[in-house]
């Protein structure tokens, strides 16, 4: 398969996944749904350490230049083998 064909089919697949209603993430909209989502994440976290999380998405890595130890504690992603930011969204 040519490189061009690979990208054509890869993007078609990504588009199909993104447009699939059954796979769409439904962010909680009411205060009760937000609280229920936060409690669900807390319940499945180790020792209930995740508090206030109402959703999670995988697959994002924001590469950074490695800061000095004086600036900030570095985050090294063992999975991606790169320094990066861990992206999280918390309820307000």
PDB file of N, CA and C in Angstrom:
ATOM      1  N   UNK A   1       0.849  -1.172   0.000  1.00  0.00           N
ATOM      2  CA  UNK A   1       0.000   0.000   0.000  1.00  0.00           C
ATOM      3  C   UNK A   1       0.893   1.232   0.000  1.00  0.00           C
ATOM      4  N   UNK A   2       0.540   2.187  -0.787  1.00  0.00           N
ATOM      5  CA  UNK A   2       1.333   3.417  -0.843  1.00  0.00           C
ATOM      6  C   UNK A   2       1.070   4.270   0.404  1.00  0.00           C
ATOM      7  N   UNK A   3       1.985   5.159   0.665  1.00  0.00           N
ATOM      8  CA  UNK A   3       1.843   6.071   1.808  1.00  0.00           C
ATOM      9  C   UNK A   3       0.581   6.921   1.650  1.00  0.00           C
ATOM     10  N   UNK A   4       0.331   7.400   0.438  1.00  0.00           N
ATOM     11  CA  UNK A   4      -0.862   8.206   0.171  1.00  0.00           C
ATOM     12  C   UNK A   4      -2.138   7.423   0.449  1.00  0.00           C
ATOM     13  N   UNK A   5      -2.197   6.179  -0.041  1.00  0.00           N
ATOM     14  CA  UNK A   5      -3.377   5.342   0.208  1.00  0.00           C
ATOM     15  C   UNK A   5      -3.574   5.083   1.685  1.00  0.00           C
ATOM     16  N   UNK A   6      -2.480   4.841   2.406  1.00  0.00           N
ATOM     17  CA  UNK A   6      -2.572   4.613   3.845  1.00  0.00           C
ATOM     18  C   UNK A   6      -3.261   5.791   4.535  1.00  0.00           C
ATOM     19  N   UNK A   7      -2.804   7.013   4.247  1.00  0.00           N
ATOM     20  CA  UNK A   7      -3.387   8.195   4.882  1.00  0.00           C
ATOM     21  C   UNK A   7      -4.839   8.411   4.465  1.00  0.00           C
ATOM     22  N   UNK A   8      -5.165   8.140   3.232  1.00  0.00           N
ATOM     23  CA  UNK A   8      -6.564   8.274   2.788  1.00  0.00           C
ATOM     24  C   UNK A   8      -7.459   7.363   3.627  1.00  0.00           C
ATOM     25  N   UNK A   9      -7.055   6.095   3.761  1.00  0.00           N
ATOM     26  CA  UNK A   9      -7.877   5.139   4.511  1.00  0.00           C
ATOM     27  C   UNK A   9      -7.834   5.393   6.014  1.00  0.00           C
ATOM     28  N   UNK A  10      -6.695   5.831   6.512  1.00  0.00           N
ATOM     29  CA  UNK A  10      -6.602   6.149   7.942  1.00  0.00           C
ATOM     30  C   UNK A  10      -7.557   7.294   8.287  1.00  0.00           C
ATOM     31  N   UNK A  11      -7.572   8.354   7.469  1.00  0.00           N
ATOM     32  CA  UNK A  11      -8.455   9.483   7.739  1.00  0.00           C
ATOM     33  C   UNK A  11      -9.924   9.118   7.548  1.00  0.00           C
ATOM     34  N   UNK A  12     -10.226   8.246   6.604  1.00  0.00           N
ATOM     35  CA  UNK A  12     -11.606   7.770   6.455  1.00  0.00           C
ATOM     36  C   UNK A  12     -12.056   7.030   7.716  1.00  0.00           C
ATOM     37  N   UNK A  13     -11.170   6.221   8.248  1.00  0.00           N
ATOM     38  CA  UNK A  13     -11.478   5.477   9.478  1.00  0.00           C
ATOM     39  C   UNK A  13     -11.686   6.437  10.646  1.00  0.00           C
ATOM     40  N   UNK A  14     -10.785   7.389  10.802  1.00  0.00           N
ATOM     41  CA  UNK A  14     -10.908   8.371  11.887  1.00  0.00           C
ATOM     42  C   UNK A  14     -12.206   9.149  11.756  1.00  0.00           C
ATOM     43  N   UNK A  15     -12.538   9.580  10.545  1.00  0.00           N
ATOM     44  CA  UNK A  15     -13.781  10.321  10.304  1.00  0.00           C
ATOM     45  C   UNK A  15     -14.999   9.466  10.677  1.00  0.00           C
ATOM     46  N   UNK A  16     -14.980   8.188  10.292  1.00  0.00           N
ATOM     47  CA  UNK A  16     -16.101   7.295  10.605  1.00  0.00           C
ATOM     48  C   UNK A  16     -16.266   7.136  12.115  1.00  0.00           C
ATOM     49  N   UNK A  17     -15.168   6.993  12.829  1.00  0.00           N
ATOM     50  CA  UNK A  17     -15.233   6.878  14.292  1.00  0.00           C
ATOM     51  C   UNK A  17     -15.763   8.173  14.895  1.00  0.00           C
ATOM     52  N   UNK A  18     -15.255   9.311  14.434  1.00  0.00           N
ATOM     53  CA  UNK A  18     -15.687  10.604  14.984  1.00  0.00           C
ATOM     54  C   UNK A  18     -17.162  10.900  14.713  1.00  0.00           C
ATOM     55  N   UNK A  19     -17.684  10.383  13.613  1.00  0.00           N
ATOM     56  CA  UNK A  19     -19.080  10.649  13.253  1.00  0.00           C
ATOM     57  C   UNK A  19     -20.054   9.592  13.785  1.00  0.00           C
ATOM     58  N   UNK A  20     -19.555   8.580  14.462  1.00  0.00           N
ATOM     59  CA  UNK A  20     -20.402   7.510  14.981  1.00  0.00           C
ATOM     60  C   UNK A  20     -21.094   7.975  16.261  1.00  0.00           C
ATOM     61  N   UNK A  21     -22.393   8.104  16.222  1.00  0.00           N
ATOM     62  CA  UNK A  21     -23.171   8.584  17.367  1.00  0.00           C
ATOM     63  C   UNK A  21     -23.006   7.680  18.588  1.00  0.00           C
ATOM     64  N   UNK A  22     -22.924   6.369  18.351  1.00  0.00           N
ATOM     65  CA  UNK A  22     -22.795   5.421  19.461  1.00  0.00           C
ATOM     66  C   UNK A  22     -21.489   5.608  20.238  1.00  0.00           C
ATOM     67  N   UNK A  23     -20.465   6.163  19.593  1.00  0.00           N
ATOM     68  CA  UNK A  23     -19.178   6.373  20.249  1.00  0.00           C
ATOM     69  C   UNK A  23     -19.003   7.800  20.779  1.00  0.00           C
ATOM     70  N   UNK A  24     -19.962   8.654  20.534  1.00  0.00           N
ATOM     71  CA  UNK A  24     -19.856  10.053  20.941  1.00  0.00           C
ATOM     72  C   UNK A  24     -19.861  10.172  22.464  1.00  0.00           C
ATOM     73  N   UNK A  25     -18.963  10.987  22.981  1.00  0.00           N
ATOM     74  CA  UNK A  25     -18.932  11.229  24.417  1.00  0.00           C
ATOM     75  C   UNK A  25     -20.017  12.229  24.771  1.00  0.00           C
ATOM     76  N   UNK A  26     -20.775  11.904  25.773  1.00  0.00           N
ATOM     77  CA  UNK A  26     -21.844  12.791  26.247  1.00  0.00           C
ATOM     78  C   UNK A  26     -21.389  13.408  27.567  1.00  0.00           C
ATOM     79  N   UNK A  27     -20.971  14.657  27.500  1.00  0.00           N
ATOM     80  CA  UNK A  27     -20.526  15.342  28.718  1.00  0.00           C
ATOM     81  C   UNK A  27     -21.724  15.608  29.609  1.00  0.00           C
ATOM     82  N   UNK A  28     -21.584  15.394  30.918  1.00  0.00           N
ATOM     83  CA  UNK A  28     -22.703  15.646  31.826  1.00  0.00           C
ATOM     84  C   UNK A  28     -23.145  17.110  31.753  1.00  0.00           C
ATOM     85  N   UNK A  29     -24.455  17.329  31.741  1.00  0.00           N
ATOM     86  CA  UNK A  29     -24.957  18.697  31.593  1.00  0.00           C
ATOM     87  C   UNK A  29     -25.645  19.236  32.841  1.00  0.00           C
ATOM     88  N   UNK A  30     -26.256  18.398  33.615  1.00  0.00           N
ATOM     89  CA  UNK A  30     -26.930  18.882  34.818  1.00  0.00           C
ATOM     90  C   UNK A  30     -26.000  18.757  36.016  1.00  0.00           C
ATOM     91  N   UNK A  31     -26.242  19.528  37.063  1.00  0.00           N
ATOM     92  CA  UNK A  31     -25.413  19.410  38.269  1.00  0.00           C
ATOM     93  C   UNK A  31     -25.396  17.975  38.825  1.00  0.00           C
ATOM     94  N   UNK A  32     -26.526  17.282  38.747  1.00  0.00           N
ATOM     95  CA  UNK A  32     -26.576  15.912  39.257  1.00  0.00           C
ATOM     96  C   UNK A  32     -25.735  14.971  38.390  1.00  0.00           C
ATOM     97  N   UNK A  33     -25.779  15.138  37.060  1.00  0.00           N
ATOM     98  CA  UNK A  33     -24.956  14.308  36.175  1.00  0.00           C
ATOM     99  C   UNK A  33     -23.470  14.555  36.419  1.00  0.00           C
ATOM    100  N   UNK A  34     -23.094  15.803  36.655  1.00  0.00           N
ATOM    101  CA  UNK A  34     -21.700  16.141  36.944  1.00  0.00           C
ATOM    102  C   UNK A  34     -21.266  15.460  38.233  1.00  0.00           C
ATOM    103  N   UNK A  35     -22.074  15.557  39.259  1.00  0.00           N
ATOM    104  CA  UNK A  35     -21.752  14.943  40.554  1.00  0.00           C
ATOM    105  C   UNK A  35     -21.679  13.423  40.424  1.00  0.00           C
ATOM    106  N   UNK A  36     -22.610  12.818  39.695  1.00  0.00           N
ATOM    107  CA  UNK A  36     -22.604  11.364  39.490  1.00  0.00           C
ATOM    108  C   UNK A  36     -21.331  10.920  38.765  1.00  0.00           C
ATOM    109  N   UNK A  37     -20.929  11.677  37.742  1.00  0.00           N
ATOM    110  CA  UNK A  37     -19.712  11.347  36.997  1.00  0.00           C
ATOM    111  C   UNK A  37     -18.487  11.447  37.905  1.00  0.00           C
ATOM    112  N   UNK A  38     -18.427  12.508  38.710  1.00  0.00           N
ATOM    113  CA  UNK A  38     -17.295  12.692  39.623  1.00  0.00           C
ATOM    114  C   UNK A  38     -17.220  11.541  40.628  1.00  0.00           C
ATOM    115  N   UNK A  39     -18.360  11.138  41.150  1.00  0.00           N
ATOM    116  CA  UNK A  39     -18.386  10.027  42.108  1.00  0.00           C
ATOM    117  C   UNK A  39     -17.982   8.712  41.454  1.00  0.00           C
ATOM    118  N   UNK A  40     -18.366   8.527  40.204  1.00  0.00           N
ATOM    119  CA  UNK A  40     -18.000   7.303  39.483  1.00  0.00           C
ATOM    120  C   UNK A  40     -16.489   7.206  39.287  1.00  0.00           C
ATOM    121  N   UNK A  41     -15.856   8.320  38.900  1.00  0.00           N
ATOM    122  CA  UNK A  41     -14.406   8.310  38.734  1.00  0.00           C
ATOM    123  C   UNK A  41     -13.710   8.078  40.069  1.00  0.00           C
ATOM    124  N   UNK A  42     -14.207   8.716  41.111  1.00  0.00           N
ATOM    125  CA  UNK A  42     -13.609   8.536  42.432  1.00  0.00           C
ATOM    126  C   UNK A  42     -13.710   7.083  42.864  1.00  0.00           C
ATOM    127  N   UNK A  43     -14.848   6.455  42.600  1.00  0.00           N
ATOM    128  CA  UNK A  43     -15.085   5.072  43.028  1.00  0.00           C
ATOM    129  C   UNK A  43     -14.132   4.080  42.348  1.00  0.00           C
ATOM    130  N   UNK A  44     -13.743   4.350  41.102  1.00  0.00           N
ATOM    131  CA  UNK A  44     -12.862   3.403  40.406  1.00  0.00           C
ATOM    132  C   UNK A  44     -11.389   3.760  40.528  1.00  0.00           C
ATOM    133  N   UNK A  45     -11.074   4.901  41.152  1.00  0.00           N
ATOM    134  CA  UNK A  45      -9.668   5.271  41.315  1.00  0.00           C
ATOM    135  C   UNK A  45      -9.087   4.547  42.529  1.00  0.00           C
ATOM    136  N   UNK A  46      -7.771   4.400  42.544  1.00  0.00           N
ATOM    137  CA  UNK A  46      -7.101   3.746  43.664  1.00  0.00           C
ATOM    138  C   UNK A  46      -7.298   4.558  44.932  1.00  0.00           C
ATOM    139  N   UNK A  47      -7.912   3.953  45.908  1.00  0.00           N
ATOM    140  CA  UNK A  47      -8.156   4.594  47.209  1.00  0.00           C
ATOM    141  C   UNK A  47      -8.938   5.905  47.087  1.00  0.00           C
ATOM    142  N   UNK A  48      -9.723   6.060  46.025  1.00  0.00           N
ATOM    143  CA  UNK A  48     -10.552   7.250  45.861  1.00  0.00           C
ATOM    144  C   UNK A  48      -9.780   8.538  45.690  1.00  0.00           C
ATOM    145  N   UNK A  49      -8.568   8.460  45.109  1.00  0.00           N
ATOM    146  CA  UNK A  49      -7.722   9.652  45.017  1.00  0.00           C
ATOM    147  C   UNK A  49      -8.136  10.624  43.923  1.00  0.00           C
ATOM    148  N   UNK A  50      -8.923  10.175  42.946  1.00  0.00           N
ATOM    149  CA  UNK A  50      -9.354  11.090  41.888  1.00  0.00           C
ATOM    150  C   UNK A  50     -10.651  11.751  42.333  1.00  0.00           C
ATOM    151  N   UNK A  51     -10.572  13.036  42.595  1.00  0.00           N
ATOM    152  CA  UNK A  51     -11.755  13.785  43.023  1.00  0.00           C
ATOM    153  C   UNK A  51     -12.050  14.891  42.027  1.00  0.00           C
ATOM    154  N   UNK A  52     -13.315  15.064  41.679  1.00  0.00           N
ATOM    155  CA  UNK A  52     -13.720  16.158  40.812  1.00  0.00           C
ATOM    156  C   UNK A  52     -13.557  15.896  39.329  1.00  0.00           C
ATOM    157  N   UNK A  53     -13.153  14.687  38.949  1.00  0.00           N
ATOM    158  CA  UNK A  53     -12.994  14.358  37.532  1.00  0.00           C
ATOM    159  C   UNK A  53     -14.348  13.901  36.983  1.00  0.00           C
ATOM    160  N   UNK A  54     -14.778  14.492  35.875  1.00  0.00           N
ATOM    161  CA  UNK A  54     -16.084  14.127  35.300  1.00  0.00           C
ATOM    162  C   UNK A  54     -15.964  13.538  33.900  1.00  0.00           C
ATOM    163  N   UNK A  55     -14.744  13.399  33.382  1.00  0.00           N
ATOM    164  CA  UNK A  55     -14.546  12.818  32.064  1.00  0.00           C
ATOM    165  C   UNK A  55     -13.074  12.597  31.814  1.00  0.00           C
ATOM    166  N   UNK A  56     -12.781  11.667  30.931  1.00  0.00           N
ATOM    167  CA  UNK A  56     -11.385  11.395  30.592  1.00  0.00           C
ATOM    168  C   UNK A  56     -11.296  11.015  29.122  1.00  0.00           C
ATOM    169  N   UNK A  57     -10.261  11.490  28.496  1.00  0.00           N
ATOM    170  CA  UNK A  57     -10.018  11.154  27.088  1.00  0.00           C
ATOM    171  C   UNK A  57      -8.581  10.695  26.979  1.00  0.00           C
ATOM    172  N   UNK A  58      -8.363   9.698  26.167  1.00  0.00           N
ATOM    173  CA  UNK A  58      -7.012   9.214  25.958  1.00  0.00           C
ATOM    174  C   UNK A  58      -6.470   9.693  24.627  1.00  0.00           C
ATOM    175  N   UNK A  59      -5.179   9.571  24.487  1.00  0.00           N
ATOM    176  CA  UNK A  59      -4.575   9.824  23.196  1.00  0.00           C
ATOM    177  C   UNK A  59      -4.036  11.219  22.974  1.00  0.00           C
ATOM    178  N   UNK A  60      -3.967  12.042  24.013  1.00  0.00           N
ATOM    179  CA  UNK A  60      -3.393  13.368  23.791  1.00  0.00           C
ATOM    180  C   UNK A  60      -2.091  13.472  24.564  1.00  0.00           C
ATOM    181  N   UNK A  61      -1.085  13.947  23.911  1.00  0.00           N
ATOM    182  CA  UNK A  61       0.210  14.169  24.527  1.00  0.00           C
ATOM    183  C   UNK A  61       0.712  15.510  24.037  1.00  0.00           C
ATOM    184  N   UNK A  62       0.993  16.392  24.951  1.00  0.00           N
ATOM    185  CA  UNK A  62       1.502  17.711  24.591  1.00  0.00           C
ATOM    186  C   UNK A  62       2.981  17.734  24.942  1.00  0.00           C
ATOM    187  N   UNK A  63       3.828  17.669  23.918  1.00  0.00           N
ATOM    188  CA  UNK A  63       5.263  17.631  24.141  1.00  0.00           C
ATOM    189  C   UNK A  63       5.756  18.973  24.683  1.00  0.00           C
ATOM    190  N   UNK A  64       6.746  18.891  25.546  1.00  0.00           N
ATOM    191  CA  UNK A  64       7.329  20.089  26.130  1.00  0.00           C
ATOM    192  C   UNK A  64       8.849  19.992  26.054  1.00  0.00           C
ATOM    193  N   UNK A  65       9.494  21.106  26.281  1.00  0.00           N
ATOM    194  CA  UNK A  65      10.934  21.105  26.477  1.00  0.00           C
ATOM    195  C   UNK A  65      11.143  20.769  27.940  1.00  0.00           C
ATOM    196  N   UNK A  66      12.058  19.886  28.211  1.00  0.00           N
ATOM    197  CA  UNK A  66      12.269  19.443  29.579  1.00  0.00           C
ATOM    198  C   UNK A  66      12.692  20.611  30.460  1.00  0.00           C
ATOM    199  N   UNK A  67      11.895  20.915  31.489  1.00  0.00           N
ATOM    200  CA  UNK A  67      12.269  22.012  32.392  1.00  0.00           C
ATOM    201  C   UNK A  67      13.389  21.561  33.336  1.00  0.00           C
ATOM    202  N   UNK A  68      14.099  22.530  33.900  1.00  0.00           N
ATOM    203  CA  UNK A  68      15.126  22.183  34.881  1.00  0.00           C
ATOM    204  C   UNK A  68      14.426  21.765  36.170  1.00  0.00           C
ATOM    205  N   UNK A  69      15.140  21.032  37.007  1.00  0.00           N
ATOM    206  CA  UNK A  69      14.548  20.589  38.281  1.00  0.00           C
ATOM    207  C   UNK A  69      14.191  21.784  39.173  1.00  0.00           C
ATOM    208  N   UNK A  70      14.879  22.902  38.973  1.00  0.00           N
ATOM    209  CA  UNK A  70      14.578  24.099  39.750  1.00  0.00           C
ATOM    210  C   UNK A  70      13.230  24.689  39.355  1.00  0.00           C
ATOM    211  N   UNK A  71      12.860  24.532  38.075  1.00  0.00           N
ATOM    212  CA  UNK A  71      11.631  25.140  37.571  1.00  0.00           C
ATOM    213  C   UNK A  71      10.379  24.363  37.973  1.00  0.00           C
ATOM    214  N   UNK A  72      10.417  23.083  37.754  1.00  0.00           N
ATOM    215  CA  UNK A  72       9.221  22.289  38.012  1.00  0.00           C
ATOM    216  C   UNK A  72       9.592  20.812  37.992  1.00  0.00           C
ATOM    217  N   UNK A  73       8.830  20.003  38.702  1.00  0.00           N
ATOM    218  CA  UNK A  73       9.051  18.555  38.656  1.00  0.00           C
ATOM    219  C   UNK A  73       8.653  18.064  37.266  1.00  0.00           C
ATOM    220  N   UNK A  74       9.558  17.436  36.564  1.00  0.00           N
ATOM    221  CA  UNK A  74       9.316  16.999  35.184  1.00  0.00           C
ATOM    222  C   UNK A  74       8.363  15.813  35.150  1.00  0.00           C
ATOM    223  N   UNK A  75       7.565  15.761  34.114  1.00  0.00           N
ATOM    224  CA  UNK A  75       6.694  14.620  33.866  1.00  0.00           C
ATOM    225  C   UNK A  75       7.218  13.890  32.648  1.00  0.00           C
ATOM    226  N   UNK A  76       7.641  12.649  32.862  1.00  0.00           N
ATOM    227  CA  UNK A  76       8.133  11.837  31.752  1.00  0.00           C
ATOM    228  C   UNK A  76       7.129  10.740  31.481  1.00  0.00           C
ATOM    229  N   UNK A  77       6.603  10.698  30.253  1.00  0.00           N
ATOM    230  CA  UNK A  77       5.649   9.673  29.872  1.00  0.00           C
ATOM    231  C   UNK A  77       6.415   8.435  29.446  1.00  0.00           C
ATOM    232  N   UNK A  78       6.335   7.379  30.256  1.00  0.00           N
ATOM    233  CA  UNK A  78       6.991   6.134  29.912  1.00  0.00           C
ATOM    234  C   UNK A  78       6.398   5.514  28.656  1.00  0.00           C
ATOM    235  N   UNK A  79       5.099   5.699  28.475  1.00  0.00           N
ATOM    236  CA  UNK A  79       4.420   5.134  27.311  1.00  0.00           C
ATOM    237  C   UNK A  79       4.905   5.796  26.022  1.00  0.00           C
ATOM    238  N   UNK A  80       4.971   7.125  26.026  1.00  0.00           N
ATOM    239  CA  UNK A  80       5.371   7.857  24.827  1.00  0.00           C
ATOM    240  C   UNK A  80       6.871   8.150  24.771  1.00  0.00           C
ATOM    241  N   UNK A  81       7.582   7.888  25.892  1.00  0.00           N
ATOM    242  CA  UNK A  81       9.018   8.139  25.983  1.00  0.00           C
ATOM    243  C   UNK A  81       9.363   9.585  25.646  1.00  0.00           C
ATOM    244  N   UNK A  82       8.629  10.499  26.292  1.00  0.00           N
ATOM    245  CA  UNK A  82       8.860  11.926  26.046  1.00  0.00           C
ATOM    246  C   UNK A  82       8.362  12.715  27.247  1.00  0.00           C
ATOM    247  N   UNK A  83       8.987  13.843  27.527  1.00  0.00           N
ATOM    248  CA  UNK A  83       8.461  14.746  28.543  1.00  0.00           C
ATOM    249  C   UNK A  83       7.223  15.422  27.988  1.00  0.00           C
ATOM    250  N   UNK A  84       6.211  15.568  28.813  1.00  0.00           N
ATOM    251  CA  UNK A  84       4.942  16.099  28.315  1.00  0.00           C
ATOM    252  C   UNK A  84       4.095  16.613  29.463  1.00  0.00           C
ATOM    253  N   UNK A  85       3.003  17.264  29.098  1.00  0.00           N
ATOM    254  CA  UNK A  85       2.006  17.711  30.070  1.00  0.00           C
ATOM    255  C   UNK A  85       0.887  16.685  30.131  1.00  0.00           C
ATOM    256  N   UNK A  86       0.422  16.390  31.328  1.00  0.00           N
ATOM    257  CA  UNK A  86      -0.739  15.528  31.491  1.00  0.00           C
ATOM    258  C   UNK A  86      -1.958  16.441  31.496  1.00  0.00           C
ATOM    259  N   UNK A  87      -2.859  16.261  30.558  1.00  0.00           N
ATOM    260  CA  UNK A  87      -4.011  17.160  30.406  1.00  0.00           C
ATOM    261  C   UNK A  87      -5.207  16.592  31.164  1.00  0.00           C
ATOM    262  N   UNK A  88      -5.773  17.393  32.041  1.00  0.00           N
ATOM    263  CA  UNK A  88      -6.953  17.008  32.796  1.00  0.00           C
ATOM    264  C   UNK A  88      -7.902  18.194  32.849  1.00  0.00           C
ATOM    265  N   UNK A  89      -9.193  17.894  32.919  1.00  0.00           N
ATOM    266  CA  UNK A  89     -10.202  18.928  33.068  1.00  0.00           C
ATOM    267  C   UNK A  89     -10.962  18.642  34.340  1.00  0.00           C
ATOM    268  N   UNK A  90     -11.096  19.629  35.190  1.00  0.00           N
ATOM    269  CA  UNK A  90     -11.792  19.454  36.456  1.00  0.00           C
ATOM    270  C   UNK A  90     -13.091  20.235  36.463  1.00  0.00           C
ATOM    271  N   UNK A  91     -14.035  19.749  37.252  1.00  0.00           N
ATOM    272  CA  UNK A  91     -15.296  20.473  37.371  1.00  0.00           C
ATOM    273  C   UNK A  91     -15.050  21.782  38.100  1.00  0.00           C
ATOM    274  N   UNK A  92     -15.855  22.754  37.784  1.00  0.00           N
ATOM    275  CA  UNK A  92     -15.704  24.081  38.400  1.00  0.00           C
ATOM    276  C   UNK A  92     -16.591  24.183  39.606  1.00  0.00           C
TER     277      UNK A  92
END
